[in-house]
Amino acid sequence: MKGRGGHSVTISHVTRRFATETAVDDVSLEVPAGEFLSILGPSGCGKTTLLRIIAGLDFPDDGRILIDGRDVTHLPAHKRPTNLVFQRGALFPHRTVYQNVAYPLERRGLKREDVRAGVEEALALVRLDRLAGRRPSELSGGQAQRVALARALAAKPAVLLLDEPLSALDLALRKEMQLELRHLQERLGTTFIFVTHDQEEALTMSRRIVIMRDGSIVQIGTPREIYDNPSSVFASTFIGESNLLFGTATRSRDGLAAIQVGGHVVRAATDHEIADDTSVALSIRPERIRLNAAIAQDDGWNHLTGVVEELIFLGNRIRARIACGGTTFWVEEPPTTPDAYRLSEGSTVALGWPHEDGRLITVDELAAQDG
């Protein structure tokens, strides 16, 4: 199936209200043609409602939806160049795999030979052409989702919308299909908008991620941008794991902020203008913290001493919970490093991280997005 190229999607000041809540609150977003975009957020954040509005299964109270520059705000789903894959594929149980995939093509009145070509192409794309004669009850969960994907792709939509289509699969199959979907999108060039609550899915598959909370967009960026530079406490904890230190900061002359956290003073690089006694949160990823011999003995690092309270073996890494006075840090180490071998509960360790590895979140960001 040759990709004919996706269409751009413009979401302009879209709001959707229900009786007791605002599910989507003045959301604006540009999705370039051919992009793989993930909308990430907890249950109830508005991500599925927004996807349904793009699909034409729901309509906004305010705002507009444009696809490839055309206003489709009030068009029903069947008149839009989109297709939607649900969390569960919703296959027709009485139809074969072939007949399920053929259904949208037959509805369009295509000739029999064109339907056959479209079905064969779509099934080959998801590597299920050998199962064309089976019924849904004879398929595994992963195979059924592939059929649903093939049915959606057979119609060659310019925008493919995916509503948590992998959430019902087991972990190994979910990881496999994450990569398959990413490679499929790259081959086709179709615009993919993928809704998920799974941070690893979003990081693995997307060119950009939109984080939503309480009906609004919290942050937009590439996976690397959002992981390395979260704009809020919520973003820092929803994407990946983070140590959060709350305290007061002062901008020092060397371009670093000095943060008072409990009985400690740590430093972080920042571009913000910070007044004395500014309330801040400092976000440090567990894998950025180093132990003992791995710590650089220079002025560009923060240095603390703590006691190991808990060790958790996770196969490819060891997680250590370390108490430094009234502050607790989670640290991750590969299990093969000398420092990891020497770790034991109750032992005293030195820990540290470079000044630039902490992300400083100011009081304005705390109030705006995490209040």
Protein backbone atom coordinates (compact mmCIF):
# COMPACT_ATOMS: atom_id res chain seq x y z
CA MET A 1 0.00 0.00 0.00
CA LYS A 2 1.71 3.16 -1.11
CA GLY A 3 1.16 6.13 1.12
CA ARG A 4 -0.53 9.00 -0.63
CA GLY A 5 0.50 11.36 2.14
CA GLY A 6 -1.39 12.49 5.15
CA HIS A 7 -3.31 15.68 5.70
CA SER A 8 -2.64 18.37 8.24
CA VAL A 9 -5.05 18.83 11.15
CA THR A 10 -5.76 22.19 12.78
CA ILE A 11 -7.57 22.33 16.11
CA SER A 12 -8.54 25.92 16.83
CA HIS A 13 -9.85 26.95 20.27
CA VAL A 14 -11.94 23.81 20.65
CA THR A 15 -14.13 23.50 23.74
CA ARG A 16 -16.50 20.66 24.59
CA ARG A 17 -18.80 20.90 27.58
CA PHE A 18 -20.94 18.24 29.18
CA ALA A 19 -23.53 18.68 31.91
CA THR A 20 -21.15 18.74 34.86
CA GLU A 21 -17.72 19.30 33.32
CA THR A 22 -15.70 20.84 30.53
CA ALA A 23 -14.01 17.87 28.87
CA VAL A 24 -11.94 19.94 26.40
CA ASP A 25 -11.13 23.51 27.34
CA ASP A 26 -10.05 25.95 24.58
CA VAL A 27 -7.54 23.57 22.97
CA SER A 28 -5.52 24.70 19.95
CA LEU A 29 -3.07 22.42 18.15
CA GLU A 30 -1.40 22.14 14.74
CA VAL A 31 -0.62 18.65 13.41
CA PRO A 32 1.49 18.77 10.22
CA ALA A 33 0.74 16.36 7.40
CA GLY A 34 2.45 13.01 7.85
CA GLU A 35 3.23 13.40 11.55
CA PHE A 36 2.91 10.72 14.22
CA LEU A 37 1.47 12.64 17.17
CA SER A 38 0.55 11.11 20.52
CA ILE A 39 -1.93 12.71 22.91
CA LEU A 40 -0.97 11.54 26.38
CA GLY A 41 -2.75 12.01 29.67
CA PRO A 42 -4.55 10.31 32.57
CA SER A 43 -8.11 9.04 32.42
CA GLY A 44 -10.60 11.89 32.19
CA CYS A 45 -8.13 14.44 30.82
CA GLY A 46 -10.13 14.96 27.59
CA LYS A 47 -7.88 13.16 25.12
CA THR A 48 -10.50 10.69 23.82
CA THR A 49 -13.14 13.43 23.58
CA LEU A 50 -10.71 15.48 21.47
CA LEU A 51 -10.04 12.48 19.22
CA ARG A 52 -13.77 11.90 18.73
CA ILE A 53 -14.21 15.56 17.77
CA ILE A 54 -11.48 15.20 15.14
CA ALA A 55 -13.19 12.03 13.87
CA GLY A 56 -16.62 13.65 13.64
CA LEU A 57 -18.16 11.36 16.25
CA ASP A 58 -18.67 14.35 18.54
CA PHE A 59 -18.86 18.07 17.90
CA PRO A 60 -17.37 21.03 19.78
CA ASP A 61 -19.40 23.69 21.54
CA ASP A 62 -16.82 26.25 20.41
CA GLY A 63 -13.89 26.27 18.02
CA ARG A 64 -13.10 24.69 14.67
CA ILE A 65 -11.50 21.57 13.17
CA LEU A 66 -9.71 21.93 9.82
CA ILE A 67 -8.28 19.02 7.83
CA ASP A 68 -5.86 20.03 5.11
CA GLY A 69 -7.20 23.57 5.45
CA ARG A 70 -10.84 22.57 4.98
CA ASP A 71 -13.30 23.34 7.77
CA VAL A 72 -14.90 20.02 8.78
CA THR A 73 -16.20 21.12 12.19
CA HIS A 74 -19.80 20.18 11.48
CA LEU A 75 -19.24 17.32 9.02
CA PRO A 76 -20.22 13.81 10.17
CA ALA A 77 -17.56 11.13 10.41
CA HIS A 78 -18.33 9.46 7.06
CA LYS A 79 -17.65 12.72 5.19
CA ARG A 80 -14.20 13.25 6.68
CA PRO A 81 -10.91 11.81 5.31
CA THR A 82 -10.30 10.09 8.65
CA ASN A 83 -10.65 6.65 10.14
CA LEU A 84 -10.68 5.57 13.77
CA VAL A 85 -9.25 2.45 15.39
CA PHE A 86 -10.79 1.80 18.81
CA GLN A 87 -9.31 0.26 21.95
CA ARG A 88 -10.89 -3.03 20.93
CA GLY A 89 -11.17 -3.62 17.22
CA ALA A 90 -14.97 -4.13 17.19
CA LEU A 91 -14.79 -6.68 14.37
CA PHE A 92 -17.95 -8.25 12.96
CA PRO A 93 -17.97 -11.71 14.60
CA HIS A 94 -19.97 -13.34 11.80
CA ARG A 95 -17.61 -12.12 9.05
CA THR A 96 -14.22 -13.50 8.09
CA VAL A 97 -11.05 -11.43 8.32
CA TYR A 98 -11.32 -10.76 4.58
CA GLN A 99 -14.95 -9.68 4.88
CA ASN A 100 -14.21 -7.39 7.84
CA VAL A 101 -11.50 -5.57 5.94
CA ALA A 102 -13.63 -5.47 2.77
CA TYR A 103 -16.61 -3.89 4.53
CA PRO A 104 -15.64 -0.17 4.22
CA LEU A 105 -14.60 -0.69 0.59
CA GLU A 106 -17.87 -2.36 -0.26
CA ARG A 107 -19.76 0.48 1.42
CA ARG A 108 -18.04 2.86 -0.99
CA GLY A 109 -19.37 0.88 -3.95
CA LEU A 110 -16.01 -0.26 -5.33
CA LYS A 111 -15.83 -2.97 -7.94
CA ARG A 112 -15.20 -6.49 -6.70
CA GLU A 113 -11.68 -6.62 -8.14
CA ASP A 114 -10.83 -3.27 -6.52
CA VAL A 115 -12.16 -4.50 -3.18
CA ARG A 116 -10.06 -7.63 -3.46
CA ALA A 117 -6.93 -5.65 -4.30
CA GLY A 118 -7.52 -3.26 -1.41
CA VAL A 119 -8.10 -6.07 1.10
CA GLU A 120 -5.08 -8.07 -0.02
CA GLU A 121 -2.89 -4.98 0.14
CA ALA A 122 -4.08 -4.02 3.62
CA LEU A 123 -3.73 -7.55 5.04
CA ALA A 124 -0.25 -7.91 3.57
CA LEU A 125 0.68 -4.63 5.21
CA VAL A 126 -0.16 -5.99 8.67
CA ARG A 127 1.17 -9.48 7.78
CA LEU A 128 -2.15 -11.29 8.09
CA ASP A 129 -2.87 -12.25 4.47
CA ARG A 130 -2.61 -15.96 5.40
CA LEU A 131 -5.50 -15.56 7.89
CA ALA A 132 -8.01 -14.01 5.49
CA GLY A 133 -10.46 -16.89 5.87
CA ARG A 134 -10.59 -16.96 9.69
CA ARG A 135 -13.28 -15.48 11.87
CA PRO A 136 -12.52 -13.10 14.79
CA SER A 137 -13.12 -15.87 17.36
CA GLU A 138 -10.18 -17.76 15.84
CA LEU A 139 -7.74 -14.85 16.27
CA SER A 140 -5.47 -13.83 19.11
CA GLY A 141 -5.87 -10.36 20.61
CA GLY A 142 -2.93 -9.02 18.63
CA GLN A 143 -4.20 -10.51 15.39
CA ALA A 144 -7.65 -9.00 15.95
CA GLN A 145 -6.13 -5.54 16.46
CA ARG A 146 -4.10 -5.98 13.28
CA VAL A 147 -7.31 -6.76 11.40
CA ALA A 148 -8.94 -3.63 12.81
CA LEU A 149 -5.91 -1.64 11.70
CA ALA A 150 -6.02 -3.21 8.22
CA ARG A 151 -9.74 -2.35 7.94
CA ALA A 152 -8.98 1.26 8.82
CA LEU A 153 -6.04 1.46 6.41
CA ALA A 154 -7.89 -0.20 3.52
CA ALA A 155 -9.92 2.97 3.03
CA LYS A 156 -6.65 4.93 2.75
CA PRO A 157 -7.55 7.69 5.18
CA ALA A 158 -5.47 10.85 5.13
CA VAL A 159 -5.65 10.94 8.94
CA LEU A 160 -5.68 7.78 11.05
CA LEU A 161 -6.96 8.19 14.61
CA LEU A 162 -6.07 5.55 17.19
CA ASP A 163 -7.80 5.40 20.58
CA GLU A 164 -5.57 3.32 22.88
CA PRO A 165 -5.59 0.40 20.42
CA LEU A 166 -2.85 -1.54 22.24
CA SER A 167 -4.03 -1.25 25.83
CA ALA A 168 -5.76 -4.65 25.91
CA LEU A 169 -2.68 -6.55 24.70
CA ASP A 170 -0.10 -8.27 26.88
CA LEU A 171 3.20 -6.47 27.49
CA ALA A 172 5.37 -8.33 24.97
CA LEU A 173 2.83 -8.01 22.16
CA ARG A 174 2.19 -4.35 23.02
CA LYS A 175 5.90 -3.55 22.65
CA GLU A 176 6.05 -5.42 19.35
CA MET A 177 3.05 -3.57 17.94
CA GLN A 178 4.38 -0.19 19.09
CA LEU A 179 7.33 -0.62 16.74
CA GLU A 180 5.16 -2.06 13.97
CA LEU A 181 2.84 0.94 14.08
CA ARG A 182 5.75 3.38 14.02
CA HIS A 183 7.34 1.66 11.02
CA LEU A 184 3.97 1.40 9.28
CA GLN A 185 3.34 5.13 9.68
CA GLU A 186 6.81 5.92 8.33
CA ARG A 187 6.17 3.80 5.24
CA LEU A 188 2.72 5.19 4.51
CA GLY A 189 3.23 8.85 5.39
CA THR A 190 -0.32 8.96 6.75
CA THR A 191 -0.99 11.39 9.59
CA PHE A 192 -1.36 9.34 12.80
CA ILE A 193 -2.96 10.82 15.93
CA PHE A 194 -2.60 8.31 18.75
CA VAL A 195 -4.32 8.60 22.14
CA THR A 196 -2.75 6.81 25.10
CA HIS A 197 -2.27 6.97 28.85
CA ASP A 198 0.94 4.92 28.54
CA GLN A 199 4.04 7.12 28.65
CA GLU A 200 6.30 4.43 27.16
CA GLU A 201 4.00 4.06 24.14
CA ALA A 202 4.12 7.81 23.56
CA LEU A 203 7.91 7.96 23.91
CA THR A 204 8.46 4.93 21.67
CA MET A 205 6.15 5.85 18.80
CA SER A 206 5.78 9.60 18.48
CA ARG A 207 7.52 12.42 16.73
CA ARG A 208 5.74 14.80 19.10
CA ILE A 209 3.77 14.34 22.28
CA VAL A 210 0.89 16.43 23.59
CA ILE A 211 0.36 16.10 27.35
CA MET A 212 -3.19 16.86 28.48
CA ARG A 213 -4.62 17.42 31.94
CA ASP A 214 -8.12 18.52 33.00
CA GLY A 215 -9.15 19.27 29.41
CA SER A 216 -6.15 21.48 28.60
CA ILE A 217 -2.75 21.05 26.98
CA VAL A 218 0.06 21.10 29.53
CA GLN A 219 3.04 20.72 27.18
CA ILE A 220 3.87 19.93 23.55
CA GLY A 221 7.26 18.74 22.31
CA THR A 222 9.37 15.90 21.01
CA PRO A 223 9.83 12.96 23.37
CA ARG A 224 13.36 14.17 24.16
CA GLU A 225 12.26 17.76 24.79
CA ILE A 226 9.48 16.75 27.17
CA TYR A 227 11.59 14.20 29.01
CA ASP A 228 14.62 16.48 29.44
CA ASN A 229 12.73 19.75 29.95
CA PRO A 230 9.32 19.17 31.56
CA SER A 231 7.45 22.45 31.93
CA SER A 232 5.64 21.51 35.13
CA VAL A 233 5.66 19.15 38.06
CA PHE A 234 2.83 17.21 36.41
CA ALA A 235 4.78 16.76 33.15
CA SER A 236 7.94 15.74 35.00
CA THR A 237 6.15 12.94 36.84
CA PHE A 238 3.75 11.83 34.07
CA ILE A 239 6.56 11.33 31.51
CA GLY A 240 9.14 9.08 33.12
CA GLU A 241 10.01 9.18 36.80
CA SER A 242 11.54 12.09 38.61
CA ASN A 243 12.92 13.13 41.96
CA LEU A 244 11.18 16.34 42.96
CA LEU A 245 12.80 18.70 45.47
CA PHE A 246 10.62 21.56 46.69
CA GLY A 247 12.28 24.58 48.21
CA THR A 248 13.27 28.22 47.74
CA ALA A 249 15.79 29.49 45.23
CA THR A 250 18.05 32.47 44.73
CA ARG A 251 19.76 33.42 41.48
CA SER A 252 23.52 33.46 42.04
CA ARG A 253 26.09 35.47 40.12
CA ASP A 254 27.50 32.49 38.22
CA GLY A 255 24.21 31.88 36.35
CA LEU A 256 23.06 29.11 38.67
CA ALA A 257 20.11 29.04 41.02
CA ALA A 258 20.90 28.05 44.59
CA ILE A 259 18.03 26.03 46.04
CA GLN A 260 17.45 25.54 49.76
CA VAL A 261 15.95 22.08 50.24
CA GLY A 262 15.63 21.01 53.87
CA GLY A 263 19.12 21.29 55.26
CA HIS A 264 20.81 21.14 51.85
CA VAL A 265 21.80 23.68 49.23
CA VAL A 266 21.90 22.41 45.64
CA ARG A 267 22.42 24.28 42.40
CA ALA A 268 20.76 24.16 39.00
CA ALA A 269 21.36 25.97 35.74
CA THR A 270 18.43 28.14 34.67
CA ASP A 271 17.53 30.85 32.18
CA HIS A 272 14.83 32.23 34.49
CA GLU A 273 15.22 35.48 36.34
CA ILE A 274 14.81 34.35 39.92
CA ALA A 275 14.24 36.68 42.85
CA ASP A 276 15.32 35.83 46.38
CA ASP A 277 13.15 33.29 48.21
CA THR A 278 11.32 32.14 45.05
CA SER A 279 9.36 28.91 45.53
CA VAL A 280 10.55 26.25 43.08
CA ALA A 281 10.59 22.55 42.37
CA LEU A 282 13.76 20.89 41.10
CA SER A 283 13.23 17.80 38.93
CA ILE A 284 16.07 15.27 38.64
CA ARG A 285 15.68 12.01 36.73
CA PRO A 286 16.85 8.93 38.72
CA GLU A 287 19.29 7.88 36.01
CA ARG A 288 21.00 11.29 36.11
CA ILE A 289 22.19 10.76 39.68
CA ARG A 290 25.54 9.06 40.14
CA LEU A 291 26.97 7.21 43.12
CA ASN A 292 30.36 7.14 44.81
CA ALA A 293 33.21 6.66 42.32
CA ALA A 294 31.10 7.82 39.37
CA ILE A 295 30.72 11.31 40.84
CA ALA A 296 32.91 14.00 39.32
CA GLN A 297 34.87 15.89 41.97
CA ASP A 298 34.51 19.36 40.55
CA ASP A 299 32.44 22.49 41.03
CA GLY A 300 29.99 21.58 38.25
CA TRP A 301 28.28 18.92 40.39
CA ASN A 302 25.99 18.77 43.39
CA HIS A 303 27.34 16.48 46.14
CA LEU A 304 25.30 14.89 48.94
CA THR A 305 25.64 11.96 51.33
CA GLY A 306 22.84 9.57 52.20
CA VAL A 307 21.84 6.15 53.51
CA VAL A 308 20.44 3.39 51.28
CA GLU A 309 16.97 2.53 52.60
CA GLU A 310 15.74 0.15 49.88
CA LEU A 311 17.09 -1.75 46.88
CA ILE A 312 14.92 -3.09 44.05
CA PHE A 313 16.35 -5.37 41.35
CA LEU A 314 14.64 -4.83 37.98
CA GLY A 315 16.79 -6.96 35.71
CA ASN A 316 18.43 -4.33 33.54
CA ARG A 317 18.75 -1.83 36.39
CA ILE A 318 18.80 -1.46 40.15
CA ARG A 319 16.65 1.16 41.87
CA ALA A 320 17.90 2.50 45.18
CA ARG A 321 15.96 4.68 47.60
CA ILE A 322 18.43 6.91 49.42
CA ALA A 323 17.62 9.19 52.35
CA CYS A 324 19.60 12.41 52.66
CA GLY A 325 18.35 13.94 55.88
CA GLY A 326 14.71 14.81 55.24
CA THR A 327 15.05 14.38 51.45
CA THR A 328 14.63 11.08 49.63
CA PHE A 329 16.13 10.25 46.23
CA TRP A 330 15.47 7.40 43.84
CA VAL A 331 18.62 6.44 41.92
CA GLU A 332 18.92 3.98 39.05
CA GLU A 333 22.10 2.11 38.14
CA PRO A 334 22.86 -0.68 35.67
CA PRO A 335 23.34 -3.83 37.78
CA THR A 336 26.80 -4.47 36.31
CA THR A 337 28.52 -1.30 37.58
CA PRO A 338 30.92 -1.52 40.54
CA ASP A 339 28.76 0.96 42.45
CA ALA A 340 25.68 -1.23 41.99
CA TYR A 341 27.54 -4.31 43.23
CA ARG A 342 28.60 -2.50 46.39
CA LEU A 343 25.13 -1.19 47.25
CA SER A 344 23.48 -2.64 50.31
CA GLU A 345 20.60 -1.50 52.47
CA GLY A 346 21.81 0.56 55.41
CA SER A 347 25.10 1.56 53.76
CA THR A 348 26.23 5.18 53.45
CA VAL A 349 26.79 6.46 49.90
CA ALA A 350 27.80 9.66 48.18
CA LEU A 351 25.51 10.82 45.40
CA GLY A 352 25.57 13.69 42.98
CA TRP A 353 24.55 15.09 39.62
CA PRO A 354 25.73 17.86 37.26
CA HIS A 355 24.13 21.26 37.81
CA GLU A 356 22.67 21.25 34.29
CA ASP A 357 20.91 17.90 34.78
CA GLY A 358 18.27 19.31 37.12
CA ARG A 359 15.20 21.02 35.63
CA LEU A 360 14.07 24.02 37.66
CA ILE A 361 10.31 24.67 37.72
CA THR A 362 9.41 28.11 39.00
CA VAL A 363 6.51 29.24 41.15
CA ASP A 364 4.68 30.65 38.11
CA GLU A 365 4.72 27.23 36.41
CA LEU A 366 3.72 25.56 39.66
CA ALA A 367 0.75 27.87 40.07
CA ALA A 368 -0.32 27.76 36.42
CA GLN A 369 -0.20 24.03 35.84
CA ASP A 370 0.04 22.22 39.13
CA GLY A 371 -2.13 24.17 41.50
